[in-house]
N, C-alpha and C. Protein backbone atom coordinates (compact mmCIF):
# COMPACT_ATOMS: atom_id res chain seq x y z
N MET A 1 178.69 85.88 135.06
CA MET A 1 178.54 84.91 136.32
C MET A 1 177.12 85.19 136.69
N ARG A 2 175.93 84.01 136.36
CA ARG A 2 174.41 84.19 136.80
C ARG A 2 174.41 83.90 138.03
N GLN A 3 173.55 84.35 138.84
CA GLN A 3 173.62 83.88 140.45
C GLN A 3 171.76 83.83 140.54
N THR A 4 171.31 82.86 140.78
CA THR A 4 169.96 82.12 141.29
C THR A 4 169.79 83.15 142.84
N ILE A 5 168.67 84.14 142.55
CA ILE A 5 168.17 84.95 143.62
C ILE A 5 167.02 84.28 144.44
N SER A 6 165.97 83.81 143.66
CA SER A 6 164.90 83.57 143.95
C SER A 6 164.38 82.45 143.16
N THR A 7 163.53 81.51 144.07
CA THR A 7 162.61 80.80 143.01
C THR A 7 161.33 80.35 143.76
N ALA A 8 160.38 80.39 142.94
CA ALA A 8 159.10 80.38 143.21
C ALA A 8 158.31 79.42 142.41
N CYS A 9 157.36 78.29 143.29
CA CYS A 9 156.91 77.01 142.61
C CYS A 9 155.02 77.38 143.04
N ILE A 10 154.19 77.43 142.06
CA ILE A 10 152.86 77.57 142.01
C ILE A 10 152.39 76.08 141.92
N PHE A 11 151.47 75.56 142.54
CA PHE A 11 150.81 74.23 142.26
C PHE A 11 149.28 74.51 141.72
N SER A 12 148.74 73.89 140.88
CA SER A 12 147.53 74.17 140.46
C SER A 12 146.38 73.69 141.49
N ALA A 13 145.77 74.53 141.91
CA ALA A 13 144.45 73.88 142.52
C ALA A 13 143.71 73.14 141.84
N ASP A 14 143.66 72.74 140.63
CA ASP A 14 142.64 71.60 140.23
C ASP A 14 143.22 70.50 140.26
N VAL A 15 142.98 69.67 140.94
CA VAL A 15 143.79 68.04 141.10
C VAL A 15 143.64 67.48 139.68
N ARG A 16 142.93 67.56 139.06
CA ARG A 16 143.19 67.06 137.66
C ARG A 16 144.34 67.07 137.07
N LEU A 17 144.63 68.23 136.82
CA LEU A 17 145.88 68.80 136.02
C LEU A 17 146.81 68.58 136.85
N ARG A 18 146.96 68.64 138.31
CA ARG A 18 148.61 67.86 138.88
C ARG A 18 149.79 69.09 137.85
N LYS A 19 149.19 70.32 137.86
CA LYS A 19 150.63 70.91 137.20
C LYS A 19 151.38 71.89 138.41
N ARG A 20 152.70 71.77 138.21
CA ARG A 20 153.49 72.49 138.98
C ARG A 20 154.28 73.73 138.28
N ILE A 21 154.26 74.52 138.34
CA ILE A 21 155.09 75.96 137.62
C ILE A 21 155.87 76.58 138.43
N CYS A 22 157.20 76.56 138.06
CA CYS A 22 158.25 77.02 138.83
C CYS A 22 159.39 78.03 137.84
N LEU A 23 159.19 79.22 138.71
CA LEU A 23 159.77 80.30 138.07
C LEU A 23 161.01 80.88 138.78
N TRP A 24 162.35 80.92 138.43
CA TRP A 24 163.68 81.59 139.28
C TRP A 24 164.15 82.74 138.78
N ILE A 25 164.58 83.39 139.39
CA ILE A 25 165.20 84.82 139.00
C ILE A 25 166.54 84.67 138.85
N GLU A 26 167.07 84.89 137.38
CA GLU A 26 168.44 84.85 137.25
C GLU A 26 168.81 86.39 137.50
N CYS A 27 169.86 86.83 137.95
CA CYS A 27 170.56 88.30 137.81
C CYS A 27 172.26 88.12 137.22
N ASN A 28 172.47 88.85 136.56
CA ASN A 28 173.65 88.96 135.59
C ASN A 28 174.40 90.42 135.98
N GLY A 29 174.77 90.94 137.20
CA GLY A 29 174.96 92.31 137.67
C GLY A 29 173.86 92.72 138.22
N ILE A 30 173.39 93.86 136.89
CA ILE A 30 172.09 94.81 137.46
C ILE A 30 170.86 94.27 136.93
N VAL A 31 171.20 93.60 135.58
CA VAL A 31 170.13 92.85 134.88
C VAL A 31 169.38 91.34 135.29
N CYS A 32 168.08 91.35 135.54
CA CYS A 32 167.53 90.33 136.17
C CYS A 32 166.67 89.23 135.10
N SER A 33 166.41 88.61 135.13
CA SER A 33 165.37 87.93 133.96
C SER A 33 164.68 87.03 134.86
N ILE A 34 163.28 86.36 134.31
CA ILE A 34 162.49 85.47 134.98
C ILE A 34 162.67 84.06 134.16
N ARG A 35 163.20 83.21 134.43
CA ARG A 35 163.35 81.78 133.66
C ARG A 35 162.55 80.80 134.28
N GLY A 36 162.15 79.73 133.18
CA GLY A 36 161.99 78.48 133.55
C GLY A 36 160.15 78.31 133.86
N SER A 37 159.89 76.97 133.32
CA SER A 37 158.81 76.43 133.68
C SER A 37 158.59 74.98 133.76
N ALA A 38 158.17 74.13 134.75
CA ALA A 38 157.75 72.75 134.78
C ALA A 38 156.41 72.25 134.86
N SER A 39 155.98 71.73 134.13
CA SER A 39 154.84 71.04 134.66
C SER A 39 154.96 69.35 134.82
N LEU A 40 153.95 68.91 135.50
CA LEU A 40 154.05 67.68 135.41
C LEU A 40 152.61 67.18 134.69
N ASP A 41 153.32 66.16 133.69
CA ASP A 41 152.00 65.50 132.89
C ASP A 41 151.38 64.50 133.55
N GLN A 42 150.02 64.39 133.72
CA GLN A 42 149.21 63.65 134.37
C GLN A 42 149.12 62.13 133.59
N GLN A 43 149.40 62.23 132.18
CA GLN A 43 149.12 60.86 131.84
C GLN A 43 150.51 60.07 131.56
N HIS A 44 151.46 60.75 131.39
CA HIS A 44 152.59 60.00 131.46
C HIS A 44 153.57 60.10 132.72
N GLY A 45 152.95 61.16 133.69
CA GLY A 45 153.73 61.19 134.97
C GLY A 45 155.17 61.48 135.07
N ALA A 46 155.46 62.03 133.58
CA ALA A 46 156.69 62.61 133.75
C ALA A 46 157.09 64.11 133.55
N ALA A 47 158.12 64.90 134.18
CA ALA A 47 158.04 66.42 134.26
C ALA A 47 158.64 66.60 132.77
N ASP A 48 157.94 67.75 132.29
CA ASP A 48 157.99 68.40 131.29
C ASP A 48 158.88 69.81 131.40
N LEU A 49 160.00 69.88 131.42
CA LEU A 49 160.73 70.96 131.49
C LEU A 49 160.94 72.13 130.24
N ARG A 50 160.37 73.08 130.47
CA ARG A 50 160.23 74.12 129.09
C ARG A 50 161.21 75.56 129.65
N PRO A 51 161.88 75.84 128.98
CA PRO A 51 162.38 77.44 129.04
C PRO A 51 161.69 78.38 129.05
N VAL A 52 160.99 79.38 129.50
CA VAL A 52 160.45 80.19 129.35
C VAL A 52 161.11 81.65 129.56
N ARG A 53 161.25 82.77 128.66
CA ARG A 53 162.15 83.98 129.10
C ARG A 53 160.73 84.72 129.17
N ALA A 54 160.52 85.68 130.27
CA ALA A 54 159.70 86.51 130.04
C ALA A 54 160.23 87.71 130.06
N ARG A 55 161.69 87.98 130.04
CA ARG A 55 162.16 89.36 129.92
C ARG A 55 163.85 88.43 129.31
N ASP A 56 164.20 89.25 128.24
CA ASP A 56 165.46 88.81 127.82
C ASP A 56 166.57 89.63 128.70
N ASP A 57 167.81 89.62 128.17
CA ASP A 57 168.71 90.56 129.34
C ASP A 57 168.85 91.91 128.45
N GLY A 58 168.23 92.07 127.43
CA GLY A 58 168.15 93.76 127.33
C GLY A 58 167.27 94.40 128.44
N GLY A 59 166.25 93.62 128.77
CA GLY A 59 165.08 94.44 129.53
C GLY A 59 164.29 94.54 128.80
N ASN A 60 164.35 94.13 127.69
CA ASN A 60 162.74 94.41 126.84
C ASN A 60 161.72 93.06 127.17
N GLY A 61 160.78 93.35 126.62
CA GLY A 61 159.39 92.06 127.34
C GLY A 61 159.29 91.57 125.68
N SER A 62 159.93 90.40 125.96
CA SER A 62 159.53 89.31 125.02
C SER A 62 158.37 88.37 125.15
N ARG A 63 157.69 87.75 124.31
CA ARG A 63 156.59 87.18 124.45
C ARG A 63 155.29 87.80 125.04
N PHE A 64 155.56 88.97 125.26
CA PHE A 64 154.17 89.91 125.22
C PHE A 64 153.65 90.78 124.93
N GLY A 65 154.24 91.22 123.74
CA GLY A 65 153.67 91.82 122.54
C GLY A 65 154.41 93.18 122.92
N SER A 66 153.97 94.16 122.14
CA SER A 66 154.63 95.54 122.09
C SER A 66 154.25 96.29 123.55
N ALA A 67 155.01 97.01 123.78
CA ALA A 67 154.86 97.78 125.21
C ALA A 67 154.00 99.04 124.73
N LYS A 68 153.81 99.38 123.37
CA LYS A 68 153.04 100.19 122.81
C LYS A 68 151.65 100.42 123.10
N THR A 69 151.40 98.94 123.16
CA THR A 69 149.77 98.89 122.78
C THR A 69 149.32 98.65 124.59
N GLY A 70 147.88 98.90 123.95
CA GLY A 70 147.41 99.26 125.54
C GLY A 70 147.26 100.40 126.29
N VAL A 71 148.37 101.41 126.12
CA VAL A 71 148.44 102.15 126.89
C VAL A 71 147.34 103.59 126.81
N GLU A 72 146.68 103.70 125.53
CA GLU A 72 145.69 104.44 125.38
C GLU A 72 143.99 103.80 125.99
N HIS A 73 144.26 102.60 126.23
CA HIS A 73 143.24 101.84 126.73
C HIS A 73 143.26 102.16 128.25
N TRP A 74 144.13 101.97 128.41
CA TRP A 74 144.64 101.83 130.38
C TRP A 74 144.24 103.63 130.39
N LEU A 75 144.90 104.67 129.78
CA LEU A 75 144.59 106.06 130.17
C LEU A 75 143.40 106.31 130.04
N ALA A 76 142.60 105.97 129.30
CA ALA A 76 141.16 106.26 129.22
C ALA A 76 140.37 105.82 129.92
N GLN A 77 140.59 104.55 130.77
CA GLN A 77 139.97 104.05 131.92
C GLN A 77 140.41 105.07 133.07
N ARG A 78 141.50 105.46 133.34
CA ARG A 78 141.83 106.36 134.18
C ARG A 78 141.63 107.73 134.00
N VAL A 79 141.12 108.21 133.30
CA VAL A 79 140.91 109.50 132.77
C VAL A 79 139.27 109.71 132.82
N SER A 80 138.68 108.12 132.74
CA SER A 80 136.91 108.22 132.90
C SER A 80 137.06 108.16 134.38
N ALA A 81 138.02 107.34 135.06
CA ALA A 81 137.55 107.15 136.56
C ALA A 81 137.79 108.43 137.24
N VAL A 82 138.50 109.29 136.84
CA VAL A 82 138.82 110.43 137.67
C VAL A 82 137.71 111.78 137.28
N ALA A 83 137.12 111.33 135.98
CA ALA A 83 136.27 112.38 135.71
C ALA A 83 134.71 112.16 136.39
N LEU A 84 134.72 110.66 136.96
CA LEU A 84 133.85 110.23 137.40
C LEU A 84 133.46 110.42 138.70
N VAL A 85 134.57 110.73 139.10
CA VAL A 85 134.66 110.96 140.86
C VAL A 85 133.98 112.42 141.29
N PRO A 86 134.29 113.74 140.49
CA PRO A 86 133.42 114.93 140.82
C PRO A 86 132.14 115.21 140.27
N LEU A 87 131.93 114.24 139.35
CA LEU A 87 130.31 114.17 138.67
C LEU A 87 129.49 113.22 139.36
N THR A 88 130.14 111.98 139.95
CA THR A 88 129.50 111.51 140.69
C THR A 88 128.69 112.00 142.26
N LEU A 89 130.01 112.86 142.80
CA LEU A 89 129.73 113.78 143.91
C LEU A 89 128.56 114.59 143.49
N TRP A 90 128.71 115.49 142.18
CA TRP A 90 127.79 116.60 142.13
C TRP A 90 126.28 115.87 141.86
N PHE A 91 126.25 114.48 141.21
CA PHE A 91 125.26 114.26 140.71
C PHE A 91 124.28 113.59 142.16
N VAL A 92 125.15 112.92 143.22
CA VAL A 92 124.43 112.54 144.39
C VAL A 92 123.89 113.74 145.21
N ALA A 93 124.76 114.72 145.19
CA ALA A 93 124.34 116.00 146.08
C ALA A 93 123.22 116.53 145.39
N SER A 94 123.28 116.81 144.15
CA SER A 94 121.75 117.20 143.63
C SER A 94 120.73 116.24 143.44
N ILE A 95 120.78 115.17 143.53
CA ILE A 95 119.87 114.09 144.12
C ILE A 95 119.27 114.48 145.33
N ILE A 96 119.76 114.34 146.26
CA ILE A 96 119.95 114.41 147.70
C ILE A 96 119.07 115.65 148.07
N SER A 97 119.68 116.56 147.51
CA SER A 97 118.77 118.27 147.74
C SER A 97 117.94 118.39 147.07
N HIS A 98 117.46 117.50 146.18
CA HIS A 98 115.94 117.55 145.51
C HIS A 98 115.10 116.54 145.97
N THR A 99 115.43 115.91 147.13
CA THR A 99 114.36 114.74 147.68
C THR A 99 112.92 115.36 148.08
N GLY A 100 113.05 116.66 148.71
CA GLY A 100 111.65 117.03 149.03
C GLY A 100 110.78 117.70 148.12
N SER A 101 111.64 118.17 146.84
CA SER A 101 110.93 118.72 145.86
C SER A 101 110.33 118.09 145.11
N GLY A 102 109.24 118.68 144.28
CA GLY A 102 108.12 117.78 143.61
C GLY A 102 108.43 117.53 142.09
N TYR A 103 107.79 116.53 141.42
CA TYR A 103 108.41 116.47 139.72
C TYR A 103 108.75 117.82 139.05
N VAL A 104 107.75 118.58 139.09
CA VAL A 104 107.83 119.65 138.32
C VAL A 104 109.28 120.50 138.57
N SER A 105 109.32 120.64 139.82
CA SER A 105 110.46 121.85 139.90
C SER A 105 112.10 120.96 139.74
N PHE A 106 111.90 119.58 139.97
CA PHE A 106 112.90 118.72 139.77
C PHE A 106 113.35 118.77 137.97
N VAL A 107 112.11 118.52 137.20
CA VAL A 107 112.21 118.52 135.98
C VAL A 107 112.91 120.07 135.38
N THR A 108 112.51 120.87 136.25
CA THR A 108 112.72 122.74 135.61
C THR A 108 114.32 122.50 135.85
N TRP A 109 114.59 122.06 137.32
CA TRP A 109 115.80 122.24 137.26
C TRP A 109 116.80 121.11 136.59
N LEU A 110 116.34 119.83 135.81
CA LEU A 110 117.32 119.20 134.86
C LEU A 110 117.14 119.54 133.80
N GLN A 111 116.33 120.76 133.53
CA GLN A 111 116.06 121.45 132.17
C GLN A 111 117.42 122.71 132.11
N THR A 112 117.93 123.33 133.36
CA THR A 112 119.09 124.46 133.23
C THR A 112 120.01 123.99 132.38
N SER A 113 120.75 124.67 131.92
CA SER A 113 122.01 124.09 131.07
C SER A 113 123.08 123.48 131.67
N ALA A 114 123.42 123.93 133.36
CA ALA A 114 124.44 123.44 134.04
C ALA A 114 124.13 122.09 134.12
N ALA A 115 122.95 121.78 134.60
CA ALA A 115 122.71 120.39 134.96
C ALA A 115 122.28 119.56 133.83
N MET A 116 121.75 119.95 132.79
CA MET A 116 121.71 118.94 131.77
C MET A 116 123.12 118.75 131.06
N ILE A 117 124.27 119.68 130.79
CA ILE A 117 125.62 119.26 130.26
C ILE A 117 126.14 118.44 131.24
N LEU A 118 125.74 118.30 132.70
CA LEU A 118 126.56 117.59 133.82
C LEU A 118 126.18 116.30 133.93
N THR A 119 124.67 116.15 133.63
CA THR A 119 124.28 115.02 133.56
C THR A 119 124.28 114.25 132.26
N ILE A 120 124.41 114.90 131.34
CA ILE A 120 125.16 114.28 129.96
C ILE A 120 126.36 113.52 129.87
N SER A 121 127.20 114.56 130.88
CA SER A 121 128.59 114.16 130.86
C SER A 121 128.78 112.72 131.89
N ILE A 122 127.88 112.84 133.04
CA ILE A 122 128.16 111.87 133.95
C ILE A 122 127.70 110.60 133.13
N LEU A 123 126.91 110.47 132.29
CA LEU A 123 126.29 109.15 131.46
C LEU A 123 127.09 108.92 130.68
N ILE A 124 127.69 110.13 129.60
CA ILE A 124 128.84 109.57 128.43
C ILE A 124 130.31 108.82 129.34
N PHE A 125 130.49 109.67 130.48
CA PHE A 125 131.89 109.14 131.25
C PHE A 125 131.66 107.72 131.65
N LEU A 126 130.24 107.43 132.38
CA LEU A 126 129.91 106.23 132.64
C LEU A 126 129.68 104.89 132.11
N PHE A 127 129.08 105.00 130.87
CA PHE A 127 129.43 104.21 129.91
C PHE A 127 130.11 103.83 129.13
N HIS A 128 131.18 104.67 129.01
CA HIS A 128 132.43 104.60 128.37
C HIS A 128 133.41 104.03 129.29
N HIS A 129 133.31 104.40 130.77
CA HIS A 129 134.17 103.53 131.42
C HIS A 129 133.67 102.22 131.96
N THR A 130 132.30 101.65 131.83
CA THR A 130 131.88 100.61 131.77
C THR A 130 132.35 99.82 130.83
N ALA A 131 132.09 100.06 129.54
CA ALA A 131 132.40 99.27 128.23
C ALA A 131 133.95 99.49 128.34
N LEU A 132 135.22 99.93 128.89
CA LEU A 132 136.24 99.75 128.87
C LEU A 132 136.77 98.79 129.91
N GLY A 133 135.88 98.77 131.23
CA GLY A 133 136.04 97.35 132.03
C GLY A 133 135.66 96.39 131.30
N LEU A 134 134.27 96.29 131.08
CA LEU A 134 134.25 94.84 130.79
C LEU A 134 134.93 94.25 129.53
N GLN A 135 135.55 95.17 128.65
CA GLN A 135 136.50 94.40 127.76
C GLN A 135 137.73 94.05 128.32
N VAL A 136 138.01 94.64 129.38
CA VAL A 136 139.28 94.50 130.00
C VAL A 136 138.89 92.86 130.80
N VAL A 137 137.66 92.81 131.41
CA VAL A 137 137.32 91.55 131.96
C VAL A 137 137.33 90.22 131.17
N ILE A 138 136.66 91.08 129.84
CA ILE A 138 136.54 89.66 128.74
C ILE A 138 137.69 89.23 128.30
N GLU A 139 138.50 90.44 127.94
CA GLU A 139 139.52 89.82 127.46
C GLU A 139 140.78 89.10 128.64
N ASP A 140 140.52 89.07 129.75
CA ASP A 140 141.42 88.63 130.64
C ASP A 140 140.90 87.36 131.22
N TYR A 141 139.48 87.34 131.26
CA TYR A 141 139.15 85.86 132.01
C TYR A 141 137.82 85.26 130.88
N VAL A 142 137.96 85.63 129.58
CA VAL A 142 137.01 84.48 128.52
C VAL A 142 138.08 83.71 127.54
N HIS A 143 138.29 82.83 127.72
CA HIS A 143 139.08 82.03 127.13
C HIS A 143 138.51 81.22 126.00
N SER A 144 137.54 81.64 125.11
CA SER A 144 136.74 80.60 124.47
C SER A 144 136.69 81.33 122.97
N GLY A 145 136.15 80.77 122.33
CA GLY A 145 135.90 81.25 120.76
C GLY A 145 134.79 82.57 120.90
N ALA A 146 134.11 82.89 122.00
CA ALA A 146 133.20 83.77 122.10
C ALA A 146 133.72 85.02 122.62
N ARG A 147 135.18 84.95 122.58
CA ARG A 147 136.06 86.02 123.46
C ARG A 147 135.63 87.22 122.09
N PHE A 148 135.92 87.03 121.16
CA PHE A 148 135.91 87.99 119.72
C PHE A 148 134.73 88.69 119.98
N ALA A 149 133.48 87.75 120.01
CA ALA A 149 132.62 88.10 119.53
C ALA A 149 131.83 89.22 120.77
N ALA A 150 132.22 88.64 122.30
CA ALA A 150 131.82 89.39 123.39
C ALA A 150 132.90 90.48 123.15
N VAL A 151 133.82 90.79 122.89
CA VAL A 151 134.64 92.33 122.73
C VAL A 151 133.74 92.85 121.56
N ILE A 152 133.70 92.51 120.52
CA ILE A 152 132.71 93.13 119.77
C ILE A 152 131.54 93.89 120.04
N ALA A 153 130.72 92.97 120.88
CA ALA A 153 129.36 93.51 121.38
C ALA A 153 129.68 94.60 122.39
N VAL A 154 130.63 94.40 123.12
CA VAL A 154 130.89 95.67 124.06
C VAL A 154 131.34 96.80 123.65
N ARG A 155 132.17 96.85 122.67
CA ARG A 155 132.62 97.45 121.81
C ARG A 155 131.70 98.57 121.03
N LEU A 156 130.28 97.77 120.32
CA LEU A 156 129.41 98.45 119.85
C LEU A 156 128.22 98.89 120.66
N CYS A 157 128.14 98.42 122.15
CA CYS A 157 126.97 98.63 122.61
C CYS A 157 127.24 99.97 123.30
């Protein structure tokens, strides 16, 4: 026996589209699924009811691709973010401690092996983290033919 627990309707903010999307959650024992969508067609004024299954009864994600894709990207972004925290704190503290010193002493400090390795590390992690974040923004918000070219440009730079 299926039981509808909740219904949510979202109305488009764009007046020209006049779309309404309704989702309802149905449960069969323990397994729940999200089903349904309806949109109002502006030209004909008729409701177009299309069933949408975000999850099947087995709990597998259908329509959204494999659950194995994107994990490496997500993990790399988190690892680079965690690595940037102590590196940024070290870099800011080092720059603050060298504010009163002259150019020659700053360059001498920067040429030490520890400062050089940590500075190169912060630059590598910073640019890698930025590229990962830009790729996610482009994939999520660019919906034109330029999307592929933009992702390639970010990956190459």
